[in-house]
Each structure stands twice: as C-alpha cells, then as structure tokens.
Amino acid sequence: TTPSIMILIEQSKLSLNDKVSNFLPSFSGTEKNTVTVEDLLRHEAGLLPGINVLPGESFSSYLKRVTERELSYKPRSKSVYSELVESL
C-alpha cells in the first residue's frame, strides 16, 4: 500500500493530510472525520484489527462493513497494527 500511496502523492493526487472520509464517505463520524491517510499508514487510525472477510463477501460489502464500524481507540493516541484484509 505504501508504495502506491507514495506514487499518488508524487503525482499530486493525494496528500498524507487528506481525510479518509474524503475518499470513503461511509468512514465518517466525530472521531473518524479526523483520520488522515497518514494515520492509516501509521496504524494510528483507531481501526479494530482482525476484521475478516466473510465467505463470499464482495470487496465493496467488506469495505462498507469496516468503514461503518466504531473506532476502537482515539486516532493518533496509539499505534495498533490493523491490516484488515487477509484475503478476498
């Protein structure tokens, strides 16, 4: 993910300071509105780790389910490795 993000930054299509909710409108709410691309890359976004893909679940359904969940901690308060997608 990081190399892809860096390419987009180099092309001025993305900034580390961009809010995630700008790209994923379902990722919204009081604390979620403060989460940036950099927070995701640093694993400081507040996402709960280990949200597995359900059998037969599409990527869009999985993404919706993940983005609509409450955060498990305040963004930037700690770092929790939260690679979400194990396989699709």
PDB file of N, CA and C in Angstrom:
ATOM      1  N   THR A   1       0.818  -1.198   0.000  1.00  0.00           N
ATOM      2  CA  THR A   1       0.000   0.000   0.000  1.00  0.00           C
ATOM      3  C   THR A   1       0.862   1.261   0.000  1.00  0.00           C
ATOM      4  N   THR A   2       1.880   1.278   0.827  1.00  0.00           N
ATOM      5  CA  THR A   2       2.698   2.485   0.948  1.00  0.00           C
ATOM      6  C   THR A   2       3.305   2.925  -0.384  1.00  0.00           C
ATOM      7  N   PRO A   3       3.895   2.029  -1.185  1.00  0.00           N
ATOM      8  CA  PRO A   3       4.426   2.482  -2.477  1.00  0.00           C
ATOM      9  C   PRO A   3       3.350   3.101  -3.379  1.00  0.00           C
ATOM     10  N   SER A   4       2.165   2.530  -3.373  1.00  0.00           N
ATOM     11  CA  SER A   4       1.075   3.085  -4.193  1.00  0.00           C
ATOM     12  C   SER A   4       0.682   4.473  -3.708  1.00  0.00           C
ATOM     13  N   ILE A   5       0.594   4.632  -2.402  1.00  0.00           N
ATOM     14  CA  ILE A   5       0.259   5.939  -1.827  1.00  0.00           C
ATOM     15  C   ILE A   5       1.331   6.967  -2.187  1.00  0.00           C
ATOM     16  N   MET A   6       2.587   6.565  -2.100  1.00  0.00           N
ATOM     17  CA  MET A   6       3.678   7.494  -2.402  1.00  0.00           C
ATOM     18  C   MET A   6       3.669   7.924  -3.874  1.00  0.00           C
ATOM     19  N   ILE A   7       3.307   7.019  -4.762  1.00  0.00           N
ATOM     20  CA  ILE A   7       3.182   7.374  -6.182  1.00  0.00           C
ATOM     21  C   ILE A   7       2.077   8.410  -6.363  1.00  0.00           C
ATOM     22  N   LEU A   8       0.935   8.202  -5.707  1.00  0.00           N
ATOM     23  CA  LEU A   8      -0.166   9.158  -5.802  1.00  0.00           C
ATOM     24  C   LEU A   8       0.217  10.518  -5.222  1.00  0.00           C
ATOM     25  N   ILE A   9       1.004  10.516  -4.160  1.00  0.00           N
ATOM     26  CA  ILE A   9       1.475  11.776  -3.593  1.00  0.00           C
ATOM     27  C   ILE A   9       2.414  12.478  -4.566  1.00  0.00           C
ATOM     28  N   GLU A  10       3.317  11.713  -5.158  1.00  0.00           N
ATOM     29  CA  GLU A  10       4.253  12.277  -6.133  1.00  0.00           C
ATOM     30  C   GLU A  10       3.507  12.885  -7.319  1.00  0.00           C
ATOM     31  N   GLN A  11       2.390  12.295  -7.702  1.00  0.00           N
ATOM     32  CA  GLN A  11       1.580  12.784  -8.816  1.00  0.00           C
ATOM     33  C   GLN A  11       0.603  13.885  -8.381  1.00  0.00           C
ATOM     34  N   SER A  12       0.701  14.300  -7.138  1.00  0.00           N
ATOM     35  CA  SER A  12      -0.179  15.329  -6.558  1.00  0.00           C
ATOM     36  C   SER A  12      -1.656  14.943  -6.599  1.00  0.00           C
ATOM     37  N   LYS A  13      -1.934  13.658  -6.516  1.00  0.00           N
ATOM     38  CA  LYS A  13      -3.309  13.174  -6.497  1.00  0.00           C
ATOM     39  C   LYS A  13      -3.790  12.877  -5.086  1.00  0.00           C
ATOM     40  N   LEU A  14      -2.858  12.931  -4.138  1.00  0.00           N
ATOM     41  CA  LEU A  14      -3.161  12.562  -2.764  1.00  0.00           C
ATOM     42  C   LEU A  14      -2.162  13.255  -1.848  1.00  0.00           C
ATOM     43  N   SER A  15      -2.587  13.521  -0.631  1.00  0.00           N
ATOM     44  CA  SER A  15      -1.703  14.077   0.394  1.00  0.00           C
ATOM     45  C   SER A  15      -1.837  13.224   1.649  1.00  0.00           C
ATOM     46  N   LEU A  16      -0.770  13.107   2.409  1.00  0.00           N
ATOM     47  CA  LEU A  16      -0.832  12.369   3.672  1.00  0.00           C
ATOM     48  C   LEU A  16      -1.833  13.008   4.624  1.00  0.00           C
ATOM     49  N   ASN A  17      -2.094  14.290   4.455  1.00  0.00           N
ATOM     50  CA  ASN A  17      -3.020  15.012   5.332  1.00  0.00           C
ATOM     51  C   ASN A  17      -4.474  14.936   4.881  1.00  0.00           C
ATOM     52  N   ASP A  18      -4.734  14.310   3.740  1.00  0.00           N
ATOM     53  CA  ASP A  18      -6.115  14.167   3.277  1.00  0.00           C
ATOM     54  C   ASP A  18      -6.914  13.322   4.261  1.00  0.00           C
ATOM     55  N   LYS A  19      -8.141  13.731   4.483  1.00  0.00           N
ATOM     56  CA  LYS A  19      -9.044  12.973   5.359  1.00  0.00           C
ATOM     57  C   LYS A  19      -9.549  11.736   4.619  1.00  0.00           C
ATOM     58  N   VAL A  20      -9.587  10.624   5.304  1.00  0.00           N
ATOM     59  CA  VAL A  20     -10.059   9.370   4.724  1.00  0.00           C
ATOM     60  C   VAL A  20     -11.514   9.511   4.273  1.00  0.00           C
ATOM     61  N   SER A  21     -12.303  10.260   5.024  1.00  0.00           N
ATOM     62  CA  SER A  21     -13.718  10.439   4.681  1.00  0.00           C
ATOM     63  C   SER A  21     -13.912  11.154   3.343  1.00  0.00           C
ATOM     64  N   ASN A  22     -12.875  11.846   2.839  1.00  0.00           N
ATOM     65  CA  ASN A  22     -12.970  12.461   1.505  1.00  0.00           C
ATOM     66  C   ASN A  22     -13.073  11.391   0.427  1.00  0.00           C
ATOM     67  N   PHE A  23     -12.496  10.236   0.674  1.00  0.00           N
ATOM     68  CA  PHE A  23     -12.466   9.152  -0.301  1.00  0.00           C
ATOM     69  C   PHE A  23     -13.487   8.066   0.006  1.00  0.00           C
ATOM     70  N   LEU A  24     -13.785   7.890   1.286  1.00  0.00           N
ATOM     71  CA  LEU A  24     -14.740   6.878   1.733  1.00  0.00           C
ATOM     72  C   LEU A  24     -15.799   7.564   2.598  1.00  0.00           C
ATOM     73  N   PRO A  25     -16.864   8.080   1.973  1.00  0.00           N
ATOM     74  CA  PRO A  25     -17.879   8.817   2.729  1.00  0.00           C
ATOM     75  C   PRO A  25     -18.488   8.024   3.891  1.00  0.00           C
ATOM     76  N   SER A  26     -18.511   6.698   3.798  1.00  0.00           N
ATOM     77  CA  SER A  26     -19.074   5.914   4.899  1.00  0.00           C
ATOM     78  C   SER A  26     -18.151   5.903   6.119  1.00  0.00           C
ATOM     79  N   PHE A  27     -16.911   6.368   5.954  1.00  0.00           N
ATOM     80  CA  PHE A  27     -15.963   6.476   7.068  1.00  0.00           C
ATOM     81  C   PHE A  27     -16.118   7.864   7.664  1.00  0.00           C
ATOM     82  N   SER A  28     -17.207   8.034   8.400  1.00  0.00           N
ATOM     83  CA  SER A  28     -17.493   9.346   8.969  1.00  0.00           C
ATOM     84  C   SER A  28     -18.059   9.199  10.365  1.00  0.00           C
ATOM     85  N   GLY A  29     -18.012  10.250  11.090  1.00  0.00           N
ATOM     86  CA  GLY A  29     -18.424  10.293  12.488  1.00  0.00           C
ATOM     87  C   GLY A  29     -17.446  11.197  13.203  1.00  0.00           C
ATOM     88  N   THR A  30     -17.716  11.526  14.426  1.00  0.00           N
ATOM     89  CA  THR A  30     -16.930  12.508  15.156  1.00  0.00           C
ATOM     90  C   THR A  30     -15.431  12.268  15.059  1.00  0.00           C
ATOM     91  N   GLU A  31     -14.944  11.143  15.539  1.00  0.00           N
ATOM     92  CA  GLU A  31     -13.507  10.861  15.516  1.00  0.00           C
ATOM     93  C   GLU A  31     -13.033  10.463  14.113  1.00  0.00           C
ATOM     94  N   LYS A  32     -13.868   9.760  13.375  1.00  0.00           N
ATOM     95  CA  LYS A  32     -13.470   9.304  12.043  1.00  0.00           C
ATOM     96  C   LYS A  32     -13.185  10.472  11.107  1.00  0.00           C
ATOM     97  N   ASN A  33     -13.878  11.568  11.288  1.00  0.00           N
ATOM     98  CA  ASN A  33     -13.675  12.733  10.427  1.00  0.00           C
ATOM     99  C   ASN A  33     -12.285  13.336  10.568  1.00  0.00           C
ATOM    100  N   THR A  34     -11.549  12.954  11.602  1.00  0.00           N
ATOM    101  CA  THR A  34     -10.206  13.486  11.814  1.00  0.00           C
ATOM    102  C   THR A  34      -9.119  12.568  11.254  1.00  0.00           C
ATOM    103  N   VAL A  35      -9.476  11.356  10.865  1.00  0.00           N
ATOM    104  CA  VAL A  35      -8.487  10.361  10.430  1.00  0.00           C
ATOM    105  C   VAL A  35      -7.955  10.712   9.044  1.00  0.00           C
ATOM    106  N   THR A  36      -6.625  10.698   8.926  1.00  0.00           N
ATOM    107  CA  THR A  36      -5.956  11.027   7.670  1.00  0.00           C
ATOM    108  C   THR A  36      -5.347   9.785   7.027  1.00  0.00           C
ATOM    109  N   VAL A  37      -4.908   9.952   5.794  1.00  0.00           N
ATOM    110  CA  VAL A  37      -4.202   8.887   5.082  1.00  0.00           C
ATOM    111  C   VAL A  37      -2.964   8.487   5.887  1.00  0.00           C
ATOM    112  N   GLU A  38      -2.268   9.461   6.422  1.00  0.00           N
ATOM    113  CA  GLU A  38      -1.081   9.161   7.224  1.00  0.00           C
ATOM    114  C   GLU A  38      -1.430   8.323   8.452  1.00  0.00           C
ATOM    115  N   ASP A  39      -2.559   8.611   9.084  1.00  0.00           N
ATOM    116  CA  ASP A  39      -2.979   7.813  10.244  1.00  0.00           C
ATOM    117  C   ASP A  39      -3.159   6.344   9.855  1.00  0.00           C
ATOM    118  N   LEU A  40      -3.726   6.111   8.690  1.00  0.00           N
ATOM    119  CA  LEU A  40      -3.896   4.729   8.227  1.00  0.00           C
ATOM    120  C   LEU A  40      -2.541   4.054   8.020  1.00  0.00           C
ATOM    121  N   LEU A  41      -1.631   4.764   7.374  1.00  0.00           N
ATOM    122  CA  LEU A  41      -0.319   4.193   7.103  1.00  0.00           C
ATOM    123  C   LEU A  41       0.471   3.922   8.387  1.00  0.00           C
ATOM    124  N   ARG A  42       0.256   4.733   9.401  1.00  0.00           N
ATOM    125  CA  ARG A  42       0.965   4.571  10.669  1.00  0.00           C
ATOM    126  C   ARG A  42       0.237   3.616  11.628  1.00  0.00           C
ATOM    127  N   HIS A  43      -0.909   3.108  11.198  1.00  0.00           N
ATOM    128  CA  HIS A  43      -1.743   2.238  12.049  1.00  0.00           C
ATOM    129  C   HIS A  43      -2.159   2.965  13.324  1.00  0.00           C
ATOM    130  N   GLU A  44      -2.513   4.231  13.151  1.00  0.00           N
ATOM    131  CA  GLU A  44      -2.939   5.071  14.264  1.00  0.00           C
ATOM    132  C   GLU A  44      -4.341   5.628  14.047  1.00  0.00           C
ATOM    133  N   ALA A  45      -5.127   4.962  13.201  1.00  0.00           N
ATOM    134  CA  ALA A  45      -6.443   5.481  12.822  1.00  0.00           C
ATOM    135  C   ALA A  45      -7.561   5.080  13.772  1.00  0.00           C
ATOM    136  N   GLY A  46      -7.299   4.126  14.660  1.00  0.00           N
ATOM    137  CA  GLY A  46      -8.340   3.679  15.586  1.00  0.00           C
ATOM    138  C   GLY A  46      -9.097   2.458  15.103  1.00  0.00           C
ATOM    139  N   LEU A  47      -8.634   1.865  14.005  1.00  0.00           N
ATOM    140  CA  LEU A  47      -9.328   0.704  13.455  1.00  0.00           C
ATOM    141  C   LEU A  47      -9.095  -0.544  14.288  1.00  0.00           C
ATOM    142  N   LEU A  48     -10.141  -1.306  14.451  1.00  0.00           N
ATOM    143  CA  LEU A  48     -10.073  -2.579  15.152  1.00  0.00           C
ATOM    144  C   LEU A  48      -9.382  -3.597  14.254  1.00  0.00           C
ATOM    145  N   PRO A  49      -8.353  -4.273  14.731  1.00  0.00           N
ATOM    146  CA  PRO A  49      -7.676  -5.274  13.889  1.00  0.00           C
ATOM    147  C   PRO A  49      -8.489  -6.556  13.768  1.00  0.00           C
ATOM    148  N   GLY A  50      -8.186  -7.322  12.741  1.00  0.00           N
ATOM    149  CA  GLY A  50      -8.752  -8.657  12.600  1.00  0.00           C
ATOM    150  C   GLY A  50     -10.191  -8.729  12.146  1.00  0.00           C
ATOM    151  N   ILE A  51     -10.623  -7.819  11.312  1.00  0.00           N
ATOM    152  CA  ILE A  51     -11.981  -7.897  10.754  1.00  0.00           C
ATOM    153  C   ILE A  51     -11.889  -8.725   9.484  1.00  0.00           C
ATOM    154  N   ASN A  52     -12.238  -9.969   9.584  1.00  0.00           N
ATOM    155  CA  ASN A  52     -12.072 -10.896   8.472  1.00  0.00           C
ATOM    156  C   ASN A  52     -13.156 -10.745   7.414  1.00  0.00           C
ATOM    157  N   VAL A  53     -12.794 -11.112   6.214  1.00  0.00           N
ATOM    158  CA  VAL A  53     -13.735 -11.148   5.104  1.00  0.00           C
ATOM    159  C   VAL A  53     -14.645 -12.360   5.309  1.00  0.00           C
ATOM    160  N   LEU A  54     -15.941 -12.148   5.148  1.00  0.00           N
ATOM    161  CA  LEU A  54     -16.901 -13.243   5.284  1.00  0.00           C
ATOM    162  C   LEU A  54     -16.914 -14.080   4.010  1.00  0.00           C
ATOM    163  N   PRO A  55     -17.210 -15.362   4.112  1.00  0.00           N
ATOM    164  CA  PRO A  55     -17.259 -16.198   2.908  1.00  0.00           C
ATOM    165  C   PRO A  55     -18.201 -15.607   1.857  1.00  0.00           C
ATOM    166  N   GLY A  56     -17.684 -15.443   0.648  1.00  0.00           N
ATOM    167  CA  GLY A  56     -18.478 -14.922  -0.464  1.00  0.00           C
ATOM    168  C   GLY A  56     -18.708 -13.422  -0.431  1.00  0.00           C
ATOM    169  N   GLU A  57     -18.112 -12.724   0.516  1.00  0.00           N
ATOM    170  CA  GLU A  57     -18.323 -11.280   0.639  1.00  0.00           C
ATOM    171  C   GLU A  57     -17.557 -10.524  -0.440  1.00  0.00           C
ATOM    172  N   SER A  58     -18.205  -9.556  -1.057  1.00  0.00           N
ATOM    173  CA  SER A  58     -17.540  -8.722  -2.063  1.00  0.00           C
ATOM    174  C   SER A  58     -16.673  -7.684  -1.364  1.00  0.00           C
ATOM    175  N   PHE A  59     -15.730  -7.127  -2.121  1.00  0.00           N
ATOM    176  CA  PHE A  59     -14.865  -6.098  -1.555  1.00  0.00           C
ATOM    177  C   PHE A  59     -15.683  -4.897  -1.106  1.00  0.00           C
ATOM    178  N   SER A  60     -16.663  -4.478  -1.912  1.00  0.00           N
ATOM    179  CA  SER A  60     -17.455  -3.295  -1.550  1.00  0.00           C
ATOM    180  C   SER A  60     -18.265  -3.534  -0.276  1.00  0.00           C
ATOM    181  N   SER A  61     -18.793  -4.733  -0.103  1.00  0.00           N
ATOM    182  CA  SER A  61     -19.534  -5.049   1.124  1.00  0.00           C
ATOM    183  C   SER A  61     -18.607  -5.063   2.328  1.00  0.00           C
ATOM    184  N   TYR A  62     -17.422  -5.636   2.139  1.00  0.00           N
ATOM    185  CA  TYR A  62     -16.435  -5.671   3.218  1.00  0.00           C
ATOM    186  C   TYR A  62     -16.013  -4.252   3.604  1.00  0.00           C
ATOM    187  N   LEU A  63     -15.718  -3.439   2.620  1.00  0.00           N
ATOM    188  CA  LEU A  63     -15.290  -2.070   2.873  1.00  0.00           C
ATOM    189  C   LEU A  63     -16.371  -1.291   3.612  1.00  0.00           C
ATOM    190  N   LYS A  64     -17.603  -1.457   3.207  1.00  0.00           N
ATOM    191  CA  LYS A  64     -18.721  -0.785   3.876  1.00  0.00           C
ATOM    192  C   LYS A  64     -18.818  -1.233   5.330  1.00  0.00           C
ATOM    193  N   ARG A  65     -18.695  -2.525   5.569  1.00  0.00           N
ATOM    194  CA  ARG A  65     -18.777  -3.062   6.928  1.00  0.00           C
ATOM    195  C   ARG A  65     -17.650  -2.512   7.808  1.00  0.00           C
ATOM    196  N   VAL A  66     -16.454  -2.437   7.259  1.00  0.00           N
ATOM    197  CA  VAL A  66     -15.304  -1.925   8.016  1.00  0.00           C
ATOM    198  C   VAL A  66     -15.445  -0.431   8.290  1.00  0.00           C
ATOM    199  N   THR A  67     -15.813   0.340   7.285  1.00  0.00           N
ATOM    200  CA  THR A  67     -15.864   1.799   7.448  1.00  0.00           C
ATOM    201  C   THR A  67     -17.010   2.255   8.349  1.00  0.00           C
ATOM    202  N   GLU A  68     -18.041   1.453   8.479  1.00  0.00           N
ATOM    203  CA  GLU A  68     -19.176   1.835   9.322  1.00  0.00           C
ATOM    204  C   GLU A  68     -18.979   1.450  10.789  1.00  0.00           C
ATOM    205  N   ARG A  69     -17.953   0.663  11.105  1.00  0.00           N
ATOM    206  CA  ARG A  69     -17.682   0.279  12.496  1.00  0.00           C
ATOM    207  C   ARG A  69     -17.174   1.461  13.300  1.00  0.00           C
ATOM    208  N   GLU A  70     -17.437   1.397  14.598  1.00  0.00           N
ATOM    209  CA  GLU A  70     -16.884   2.395  15.501  1.00  0.00           C
ATOM    210  C   GLU A  70     -15.380   2.171  15.627  1.00  0.00           C
ATOM    211  N   LEU A  71     -14.642   3.226  15.900  1.00  0.00           N
ATOM    212  CA  LEU A  71     -13.211   3.101  16.123  1.00  0.00           C
ATOM    213  C   LEU A  71     -12.981   2.441  17.487  1.00  0.00           C
ATOM    214  N   SER A  72     -11.885   1.701  17.591  1.00  0.00           N
ATOM    215  CA  SER A  72     -11.616   1.007  18.855  1.00  0.00           C
ATOM    216  C   SER A  72     -10.777   1.861  19.808  1.00  0.00           C
ATOM    217  N   TYR A  73     -10.192   2.938  19.316  1.00  0.00           N
ATOM    218  CA  TYR A  73      -9.461   3.875  20.164  1.00  0.00           C
ATOM    219  C   TYR A  73      -9.371   5.216  19.442  1.00  0.00           C
ATOM    220  N   LYS A  74      -9.057   6.246  20.193  1.00  0.00           N
ATOM    221  CA  LYS A  74      -8.964   7.599  19.634  1.00  0.00           C
ATOM    222  C   LYS A  74      -7.806   7.668  18.634  1.00  0.00           C
ATOM    223  N   PRO A  75      -8.056   8.174  17.436  1.00  0.00           N
ATOM    224  CA  PRO A  75      -6.996   8.285  16.436  1.00  0.00           C
ATOM    225  C   PRO A  75      -5.769   9.025  16.980  1.00  0.00           C
ATOM    226  N   ARG A  76      -4.599   8.517  16.607  1.00  0.00           N
ATOM    227  CA  ARG A  76      -3.291   9.059  16.985  1.00  0.00           C
ATOM    228  C   ARG A  76      -2.957   8.914  18.463  1.00  0.00           C
ATOM    229  N   SER A  77      -3.775   8.191  19.232  1.00  0.00           N
ATOM    230  CA  SER A  77      -3.479   8.002  20.650  1.00  0.00           C
ATOM    231  C   SER A  77      -2.548   6.813  20.882  1.00  0.00           C
ATOM    232  N   LYS A  78      -2.498   5.899  19.915  1.00  0.00           N
ATOM    233  CA  LYS A  78      -1.588   4.760  19.980  1.00  0.00           C
ATOM    234  C   LYS A  78      -1.491   4.134  18.599  1.00  0.00           C
ATOM    235  N   SER A  79      -0.600   3.189  18.465  1.00  0.00           N
ATOM    236  CA  SER A  79      -0.406   2.501  17.191  1.00  0.00           C
ATOM    237  C   SER A  79      -0.762   1.032  17.361  1.00  0.00           C
ATOM    238  N   VAL A  80      -1.731   0.573  16.564  1.00  0.00           N
ATOM    239  CA  VAL A  80      -2.171  -0.823  16.617  1.00  0.00           C
ATOM    240  C   VAL A  80      -2.165  -1.357  15.191  1.00  0.00           C
ATOM    241  N   TYR A  81      -1.337  -2.361  14.958  1.00  0.00           N
ATOM    242  CA  TYR A  81      -1.270  -2.930  13.615  1.00  0.00           C
ATOM    243  C   TYR A  81      -2.640  -3.480  13.270  1.00  0.00           C
ATOM    244  N   SER A  82      -3.212  -2.998  12.188  1.00  0.00           N
ATOM    245  CA  SER A  82      -4.594  -3.343  11.862  1.00  0.00           C
ATOM    246  C   SER A  82      -4.779  -3.670  10.392  1.00  0.00           C
ATOM    247  N   GLU A  83      -3.934  -4.526   9.864  1.00  0.00           N
ATOM    248  CA  GLU A  83      -4.146  -4.965   8.490  1.00  0.00           C
ATOM    249  C   GLU A  83      -5.470  -5.712   8.469  1.00  0.00           C
ATOM    250  N   LEU A  84      -6.401  -5.197   7.706  1.00  0.00           N
ATOM    251  CA  LEU A  84      -7.749  -5.722   7.766  1.00  0.00           C
ATOM    252  C   LEU A  84      -8.006  -6.853   6.786  1.00  0.00           C
ATOM    253  N   VAL A  85      -7.620  -6.686   5.554  1.00  0.00           N
ATOM    254  CA  VAL A  85      -7.943  -7.657   4.514  1.00  0.00           C
ATOM    255  C   VAL A  85      -6.913  -8.776   4.509  1.00  0.00           C
ATOM    256  N   GLU A  86      -7.347  -9.970   4.891  1.00  0.00           N
ATOM    257  CA  GLU A  86      -6.452 -11.121   4.825  1.00  0.00           C
ATOM    258  C   GLU A  86      -6.502 -11.745   3.447  1.00  0.00           C
ATOM    259  N   SER A  87      -7.692 -11.845   2.897  1.00  0.00           N
ATOM    260  CA  SER A  87      -7.854 -12.352   1.536  1.00  0.00           C
ATOM    261  C   SER A  87      -9.240 -12.021   1.032  1.00  0.00           C
ATOM    262  N   LEU A  88      -9.329 -11.827  -0.257  1.00  0.00           N
ATOM    263  CA  LEU A  88     -10.626 -11.572  -0.900  1.00  0.00           C
ATOM    264  C   LEU A  88     -10.783 -12.524  -2.053  1.00  0.00           C
TER     265      LEU A  88
END
